[in-house]
Amino acid sequence: MATAGEEKRMTKADLVNRVADVIGPRVTKRDCGLVVDAFLDAVKDTLAHGDHIEIRGFGTFKVRHRKARTARNPRTGEPVEVPPRVAPVFKPSSHFRSRVDRGSGVSGA
């Protein structure tokens, strides 16, 4: 378990192992890796086409269109033009948020 100030990270390999552990011996880790890759590719392809994905109880993946704006270079203070762009965003469901909140030990305000 991570101590205070330490952050534990899960890699894609860790996720594949966790899925394989849940499924059990019926499916190989290689096959679980293919499923995880297929899911991630589906999310990327869907967002690349400008569509969104809603997974009930988990959240929504979508793209947000950012307008062009003028920012400032933090070193020089000079204005810099930032072009418009499309950014992927994830909005967790209320169920997801409450489960993370319970698991983090942080109480709501």
C-alpha atoms as a PDB file:
ATOM      1  CA  MET A   1       0.000   0.000   0.000  1.00  0.00           C
ATOM      2  CA  ALA A   2       1.242   3.515  -0.775  1.00  0.00           C
ATOM      3  CA  THR A   3       2.290   5.667   2.149  1.00  0.00           C
ATOM      4  CA  ALA A   4       1.370   9.328   2.621  1.00  0.00           C
ATOM      5  CA  GLY A   5       2.737  11.372  -0.259  1.00  0.00           C
ATOM      6  CA  GLU A   6       3.299   8.269  -2.405  1.00  0.00           C
ATOM      7  CA  GLU A   7       1.132   7.491  -5.409  1.00  0.00           C
ATOM      8  CA  LYS A   8       0.643   3.930  -6.588  1.00  0.00           C
ATOM      9  CA  ARG A   9       0.166   3.509 -10.329  1.00  0.00           C
ATOM     10  CA  MET A  10      -1.467   0.745 -12.286  1.00  0.00           C
ATOM     11  CA  THR A  11       0.061  -0.011 -15.673  1.00  0.00           C
ATOM     12  CA  LYS A  12      -1.711  -1.637 -18.598  1.00  0.00           C
ATOM     13  CA  ALA A  13       0.099  -4.896 -17.745  1.00  0.00           C
ATOM     14  CA  ASP A  14      -1.248  -4.651 -14.175  1.00  0.00           C
ATOM     15  CA  LEU A  15      -4.753  -4.131 -15.580  1.00  0.00           C
ATOM     16  CA  VAL A  16      -4.396  -7.168 -17.860  1.00  0.00           C
ATOM     17  CA  ASN A  17      -3.231  -9.268 -14.871  1.00  0.00           C
ATOM     18  CA  ARG A  18      -6.185  -8.077 -12.789  1.00  0.00           C
ATOM     19  CA  VAL A  19      -8.672  -8.935 -15.537  1.00  0.00           C
ATOM     20  CA  ALA A  20      -7.040 -12.351 -15.966  1.00  0.00           C
ATOM     21  CA  ASP A  21      -7.265 -12.964 -12.210  1.00  0.00           C
ATOM     22  CA  VAL A  22     -10.979 -12.109 -12.177  1.00  0.00           C
ATOM     23  CA  ILE A  23     -11.789 -14.288 -15.184  1.00  0.00           C
ATOM     24  CA  GLY A  24      -9.687 -17.168 -13.937  1.00  0.00           C
ATOM     25  CA  PRO A  25      -7.960 -19.930 -15.865  1.00  0.00           C
ATOM     26  CA  ARG A  26     -10.577 -20.018 -18.656  1.00  0.00           C
ATOM     27  CA  VAL A  27      -8.843 -17.176 -20.540  1.00  0.00           C
ATOM     28  CA  THR A  28      -5.108 -16.591 -21.000  1.00  0.00           C
ATOM     29  CA  LYS A  29      -3.349 -13.357 -20.049  1.00  0.00           C
ATOM     30  CA  ARG A  30      -2.548 -12.906 -23.736  1.00  0.00           C
ATOM     31  CA  ASP A  31      -6.258 -13.021 -24.586  1.00  0.00           C
ATOM     32  CA  CYS A  32      -7.016 -10.608 -21.734  1.00  0.00           C
ATOM     33  CA  GLY A  33      -4.389  -8.274 -23.197  1.00  0.00           C
ATOM     34  CA  LEU A  34      -6.146  -8.425 -26.559  1.00  0.00           C
ATOM     35  CA  VAL A  35      -9.470  -7.533 -24.907  1.00  0.00           C
ATOM     36  CA  VAL A  36      -7.947  -4.585 -23.016  1.00  0.00           C
ATOM     37  CA  ASP A  37      -6.236  -3.368 -26.218  1.00  0.00           C
ATOM     38  CA  ALA A  38      -9.485  -3.717 -28.181  1.00  0.00           C
ATOM     39  CA  PHE A  39     -11.380  -1.687 -25.559  1.00  0.00           C
ATOM     40  CA  LEU A  40      -8.771   1.084 -25.525  1.00  0.00           C
ATOM     41  CA  ASP A  41      -8.666   1.155 -29.344  1.00  0.00           C
ATOM     42  CA  ALA A  42     -12.462   1.397 -29.489  1.00  0.00           C
ATOM     43  CA  VAL A  43     -12.414   4.376 -27.105  1.00  0.00           C
ATOM     44  CA  LYS A  44      -9.677   6.120 -29.129  1.00  0.00           C
ATOM     45  CA  ASP A  45     -11.382   5.454 -32.486  1.00  0.00           C
ATOM     46  CA  THR A  46     -14.771   6.618 -31.235  1.00  0.00           C
ATOM     47  CA  LEU A  47     -13.361   9.855 -29.823  1.00  0.00           C
ATOM     48  CA  ALA A  48     -11.306  10.429 -32.980  1.00  0.00           C
ATOM     49  CA  HIS A  49     -14.586  10.423 -34.937  1.00  0.00           C
ATOM     50  CA  GLY A  50     -16.029  13.038 -32.550  1.00  0.00           C
ATOM     51  CA  ASP A  51     -18.505  10.646 -30.926  1.00  0.00           C
ATOM     52  CA  HIS A  52     -18.849   9.927 -27.209  1.00  0.00           C
ATOM     53  CA  ILE A  53     -19.017   6.749 -25.147  1.00  0.00           C
ATOM     54  CA  GLU A  54     -21.295   6.365 -22.134  1.00  0.00           C
ATOM     55  CA  ILE A  55     -20.703   3.449 -19.770  1.00  0.00           C
ATOM     56  CA  ARG A  56     -23.457   3.368 -17.133  1.00  0.00           C
ATOM     57  CA  GLY A  57     -22.106   3.358 -13.594  1.00  0.00           C
ATOM     58  CA  PHE A  58     -18.624   4.290 -14.849  1.00  0.00           C
ATOM     59  CA  GLY A  59     -18.666   7.518 -16.844  1.00  0.00           C
ATOM     60  CA  THR A  60     -18.598   9.234 -20.205  1.00  0.00           C
ATOM     61  CA  PHE A  61     -15.704   9.730 -22.617  1.00  0.00           C
ATOM     62  CA  LYS A  62     -16.175  12.627 -25.026  1.00  0.00           C
ATOM     63  CA  VAL A  63     -14.322  15.326 -26.903  1.00  0.00           C
ATOM     64  CA  ARG A  64     -14.435  18.976 -25.992  1.00  0.00           C
ATOM     65  CA  HIS A  65     -13.751  21.685 -28.555  1.00  0.00           C
ATOM     66  CA  ARG A  66     -11.398  24.338 -27.154  1.00  0.00           C
ATOM     67  CA  LYS A  67     -11.477  27.797 -28.699  1.00  0.00           C
ATOM     68  CA  ALA A  68      -8.405  29.679 -29.842  1.00  0.00           C
ATOM     69  CA  ARG A  69      -7.099  31.968 -27.127  1.00  0.00           C
ATOM     70  CA  THR A  70      -4.268  34.231 -26.143  1.00  0.00           C
ATOM     71  CA  ALA A  71      -2.065  32.964 -23.318  1.00  0.00           C
ATOM     72  CA  ARG A  72       1.125  34.316 -21.757  1.00  0.00           C
ATOM     73  CA  ASN A  73       4.601  32.815 -21.833  1.00  0.00           C
ATOM     74  CA  PRO A  74       5.368  32.339 -18.099  1.00  0.00           C
ATOM     75  CA  ARG A  75       9.084  33.170 -18.555  1.00  0.00           C
ATOM     76  CA  THR A  76       8.799  36.292 -20.650  1.00  0.00           C
ATOM     77  CA  GLY A  77       5.206  37.399 -20.083  1.00  0.00           C
ATOM     78  CA  GLU A  78       4.751  37.802 -23.833  1.00  0.00           C
ATOM     79  CA  PRO A  79       1.365  36.911 -25.341  1.00  0.00           C
ATOM     80  CA  VAL A  80       1.209  33.617 -27.236  1.00  0.00           C
ATOM     81  CA  GLU A  81      -1.603  32.559 -29.558  1.00  0.00           C
ATOM     82  CA  VAL A  82      -2.954  29.105 -28.714  1.00  0.00           C
ATOM     83  CA  PRO A  83      -4.783  27.542 -31.681  1.00  0.00           C
ATOM     84  CA  PRO A  84      -8.182  25.847 -31.350  1.00  0.00           C
ATOM     85  CA  ARG A  85      -8.019  22.162 -30.501  1.00  0.00           C
ATOM     86  CA  VAL A  86     -10.078  19.132 -29.615  1.00  0.00           C
ATOM     87  CA  ALA A  87      -9.369  17.584 -26.205  1.00  0.00           C
ATOM     88  CA  PRO A  88     -10.529  14.195 -24.922  1.00  0.00           C
ATOM     89  CA  VAL A  89     -12.292  14.359 -21.547  1.00  0.00           C
ATOM     90  CA  PHE A  90     -13.674  11.821 -19.089  1.00  0.00           C
ATOM     91  CA  LYS A  91     -16.587  12.619 -16.796  1.00  0.00           C
ATOM     92  CA  PRO A  92     -17.052  10.001 -14.067  1.00  0.00           C
ATOM     93  CA  SER A  93     -20.553   8.912 -13.084  1.00  0.00           C
ATOM     94  CA  SER A  94     -21.863   9.810  -9.629  1.00  0.00           C
ATOM     95  CA  HIS A  95     -21.525   6.126  -8.625  1.00  0.00           C
ATOM     96  CA  PHE A  96     -17.865   6.133  -9.725  1.00  0.00           C
ATOM     97  CA  ARG A  97     -17.186   9.413  -7.888  1.00  0.00           C
ATOM     98  CA  SER A  98     -18.757   8.212  -4.649  1.00  0.00           C
ATOM     99  CA  ARG A  99     -16.849   4.915  -4.747  1.00  0.00           C
ATOM    100  CA  VAL A 100     -13.533   6.715  -5.257  1.00  0.00           C
ATOM    101  CA  ASP A 101     -14.419   9.168  -2.491  1.00  0.00           C
ATOM    102  CA  ARG A 102     -15.180   6.299  -0.070  1.00  0.00           C
ATOM    103  CA  GLY A 103     -11.952   4.510  -0.989  1.00  0.00           C
ATOM    104  CA  SER A 104      -9.738   7.594  -0.671  1.00  0.00           C
ATOM    105  CA  GLY A 105     -10.549   8.299   2.971  1.00  0.00           C
ATOM    106  CA  VAL A 106     -11.436  11.892   2.072  1.00  0.00           C
ATOM    107  CA  SER A 107     -14.755  13.108   3.423  1.00  0.00           C
ATOM    108  CA  GLY A 108     -17.023  15.320   1.362  1.00  0.00           C
ATOM    109  CA  ALA A 109     -17.284  19.018   2.198  1.00  0.00           C
END
